[in-house]
Structures are given as C-alpha cells and as structure tokens.
Amino acid sequence: MAIIKKREARKSVRQAGWITLDGGFAARACQVIDLSASGAKITVDDPTSVTNKVKLGFSRDGRAGRACDVVWRRGKTLGVKFSGA
C-alpha cells in the first residue's frame, strides 16, 4: 500500500516579492503566487536567469529573506523549497 504524503497547506498570497540570486547581488522582482511553511510558488519574467539557489523576500534589499532551492520549473513559474541555509 502506498503512503500518501500530505502537502503542506498553501496560502494564496499573490504578492510582489524579490528574489536574490546565489551570491546576493541582483535583486529581481517576482510574484509570490502561494506560500506554505516549506516553500512557495513564484513567477518571474526571465526564468532562464534564475539559478537553483535563491533568496526569497518581500523587500528589495534582500536582508530579510529565506534561502530557497528551486525544485521545479514550468515556464515562468517556479516552485521553491525553503532550505536551512
């Protein structure tokens, strides 16, 4: 019998956010579609420029953000999982 892993409850936020690429230099605007305790779904204008590790925050300065790993990509929409770093 397969064990079904229940996903974290996601909250639809549709809020402007910022991602900072690994290394922390250029902050890029994104749209946070939904958010859970473990990650988020975001959209970006140029998904090809987004590395596999980013910091997601709600202010442009990037100091108050959470480290994330990009776990899936579908066009301009990305799924990120919050990491411990």
C-alpha atoms as a PDB file:
ATOM      1  CA  MET A   1       0.000   0.000   0.000  1.00  0.00           C
ATOM      2  CA  ALA A   2       1.400   3.396  -0.993  1.00  0.00           C
ATOM      3  CA  ILE A   3       1.788   6.051   1.652  1.00  0.00           C
ATOM      4  CA  ILE A   4       0.387   9.351   0.501  1.00  0.00           C
ATOM      5  CA  LYS A   5       2.391  12.300   1.753  1.00  0.00           C
ATOM      6  CA  LYS A   6       0.114  15.184   2.601  1.00  0.00           C
ATOM      7  CA  ARG A   7       1.294  18.511   1.220  1.00  0.00           C
ATOM      8  CA  GLU A   8       1.660  21.495   3.474  1.00  0.00           C
ATOM      9  CA  ALA A   9      -1.307  23.838   3.434  1.00  0.00           C
ATOM     10  CA  ARG A  10      -0.654  26.541   0.869  1.00  0.00           C
ATOM     11  CA  LYS A  11      -1.950  30.048   1.286  1.00  0.00           C
ATOM     12  CA  SER A  12      -2.705  32.053  -1.844  1.00  0.00           C
ATOM     13  CA  VAL A  13      -0.942  35.394  -1.423  1.00  0.00           C
ATOM     14  CA  ARG A  14      -0.429  36.870  -4.924  1.00  0.00           C
ATOM     15  CA  GLN A  15       2.027  39.396  -3.529  1.00  0.00           C
ATOM     16  CA  ALA A  16       5.031  41.139  -5.037  1.00  0.00           C
ATOM     17  CA  GLY A  17       8.331  39.712  -3.849  1.00  0.00           C
ATOM     18  CA  TRP A  18      12.033  39.784  -4.619  1.00  0.00           C
ATOM     19  CA  ILE A  19      14.475  37.016  -5.368  1.00  0.00           C
ATOM     20  CA  THR A  20      18.201  37.427  -4.935  1.00  0.00           C
ATOM     21  CA  LEU A  21      20.363  35.002  -6.862  1.00  0.00           C
ATOM     22  CA  ASP A  22      23.011  32.909  -5.160  1.00  0.00           C
ATOM     23  CA  GLY A  23      25.764  35.359  -4.282  1.00  0.00           C
ATOM     24  CA  GLY A  24      23.314  38.085  -3.320  1.00  0.00           C
ATOM     25  CA  PHE A  25      23.919  40.761  -5.928  1.00  0.00           C
ATOM     26  CA  ALA A  26      20.993  41.476  -8.248  1.00  0.00           C
ATOM     27  CA  ALA A  27      17.526  41.532  -6.720  1.00  0.00           C
ATOM     28  CA  ARG A  28      14.823  40.666  -9.243  1.00  0.00           C
ATOM     29  CA  ALA A  29      11.114  41.258  -8.928  1.00  0.00           C
ATOM     30  CA  CYS A  30       8.832  38.228  -8.731  1.00  0.00           C
ATOM     31  CA  GLN A  31       5.225  37.458  -7.926  1.00  0.00           C
ATOM     32  CA  VAL A  32       4.604  35.100  -5.000  1.00  0.00           C
ATOM     33  CA  ILE A  33       1.544  33.071  -6.005  1.00  0.00           C
ATOM     34  CA  ASP A  34       1.232  30.931  -2.906  1.00  0.00           C
ATOM     35  CA  LEU A  35       3.165  30.213   0.250  1.00  0.00           C
ATOM     36  CA  SER A  36       3.430  27.358   2.744  1.00  0.00           C
ATOM     37  CA  ALA A  37       5.640  26.635   5.738  1.00  0.00           C
ATOM     38  CA  SER A  38       8.040  24.708   3.490  1.00  0.00           C
ATOM     39  CA  GLY A  39       8.098  26.708   0.245  1.00  0.00           C
ATOM     40  CA  ALA A  40       6.391  28.880  -2.328  1.00  0.00           C
ATOM     41  CA  LYS A  41       5.251  29.094  -5.930  1.00  0.00           C
ATOM     42  CA  ILE A  42       6.557  32.167  -7.721  1.00  0.00           C
ATOM     43  CA  THR A  43       6.536  33.644 -11.210  1.00  0.00           C
ATOM     44  CA  VAL A  44       9.451  35.523 -12.772  1.00  0.00           C
ATOM     45  CA  ASP A  45       9.916  37.395 -16.050  1.00  0.00           C
ATOM     46  CA  ASP A  46      13.141  35.606 -17.044  1.00  0.00           C
ATOM     47  CA  PRO A  47      13.257  32.064 -15.626  1.00  0.00           C
ATOM     48  CA  THR A  48      16.438  31.206 -17.535  1.00  0.00           C
ATOM     49  CA  SER A  49      18.405  33.694 -15.409  1.00  0.00           C
ATOM     50  CA  VAL A  50      17.297  32.116 -12.117  1.00  0.00           C
ATOM     51  CA  THR A  51      19.851  29.800 -10.523  1.00  0.00           C
ATOM     52  CA  ASN A  52      18.941  26.720  -8.469  1.00  0.00           C
ATOM     53  CA  LYS A  53      19.580  28.556  -5.201  1.00  0.00           C
ATOM     54  CA  VAL A  54      17.888  31.887  -4.481  1.00  0.00           C
ATOM     55  CA  LYS A  55      16.783  34.011  -1.559  1.00  0.00           C
ATOM     56  CA  LEU A  56      13.108  34.993  -1.482  1.00  0.00           C
ATOM     57  CA  GLY A  57      11.949  38.063   0.389  1.00  0.00           C
ATOM     58  CA  PHE A  58       9.357  40.790   0.413  1.00  0.00           C
ATOM     59  CA  SER A  59      11.771  43.737   0.427  1.00  0.00           C
ATOM     60  CA  ARG A  60      14.234  44.675  -2.279  1.00  0.00           C
ATOM     61  CA  ASP A  61      17.304  44.886  -0.013  1.00  0.00           C
ATOM     62  CA  GLY A  62      17.357  41.091   0.371  1.00  0.00           C
ATOM     63  CA  ARG A  63      18.478  41.097   4.006  1.00  0.00           C
ATOM     64  CA  ALA A  64      15.196  39.745   5.326  1.00  0.00           C
ATOM     65  CA  GLY A  65      14.677  36.751   3.087  1.00  0.00           C
ATOM     66  CA  ARG A  66      14.687  32.981   3.158  1.00  0.00           C
ATOM     67  CA  ALA A  67      17.174  30.772   1.359  1.00  0.00           C
ATOM     68  CA  CYS A  68      15.449  28.532  -1.182  1.00  0.00           C
ATOM     69  CA  ASP A  69      16.186  25.720  -3.588  1.00  0.00           C
ATOM     70  CA  VAL A  70      14.324  25.736  -6.909  1.00  0.00           C
ATOM     71  CA  VAL A  71      12.663  22.297  -7.037  1.00  0.00           C
ATOM     72  CA  TRP A  72      10.602  22.589 -10.222  1.00  0.00           C
ATOM     73  CA  ARG A  73      10.156  24.890 -13.232  1.00  0.00           C
ATOM     74  CA  ARG A  74       7.205  25.264 -15.599  1.00  0.00           C
ATOM     75  CA  GLY A  75       7.721  28.180 -17.955  1.00  0.00           C
ATOM     76  CA  LYS A  76       7.834  31.377 -15.891  1.00  0.00           C
ATOM     77  CA  THR A  77       6.518  29.618 -12.789  1.00  0.00           C
ATOM     78  CA  LEU A  78       8.960  28.152 -10.261  1.00  0.00           C
ATOM     79  CA  GLY A  79       8.482  26.035  -7.167  1.00  0.00           C
ATOM     80  CA  VAL A  80      10.908  26.797  -4.333  1.00  0.00           C
ATOM     81  CA  LYS A  81      11.567  24.897  -1.133  1.00  0.00           C
ATOM     82  CA  PHE A  82      12.909  26.749   1.875  1.00  0.00           C
ATOM     83  CA  SER A  83      16.341  25.452   2.847  1.00  0.00           C
ATOM     84  CA  GLY A  84      18.207  25.599   6.117  1.00  0.00           C
ATOM     85  CA  ALA A  85      20.974  27.882   4.864  1.00  0.00           C
END
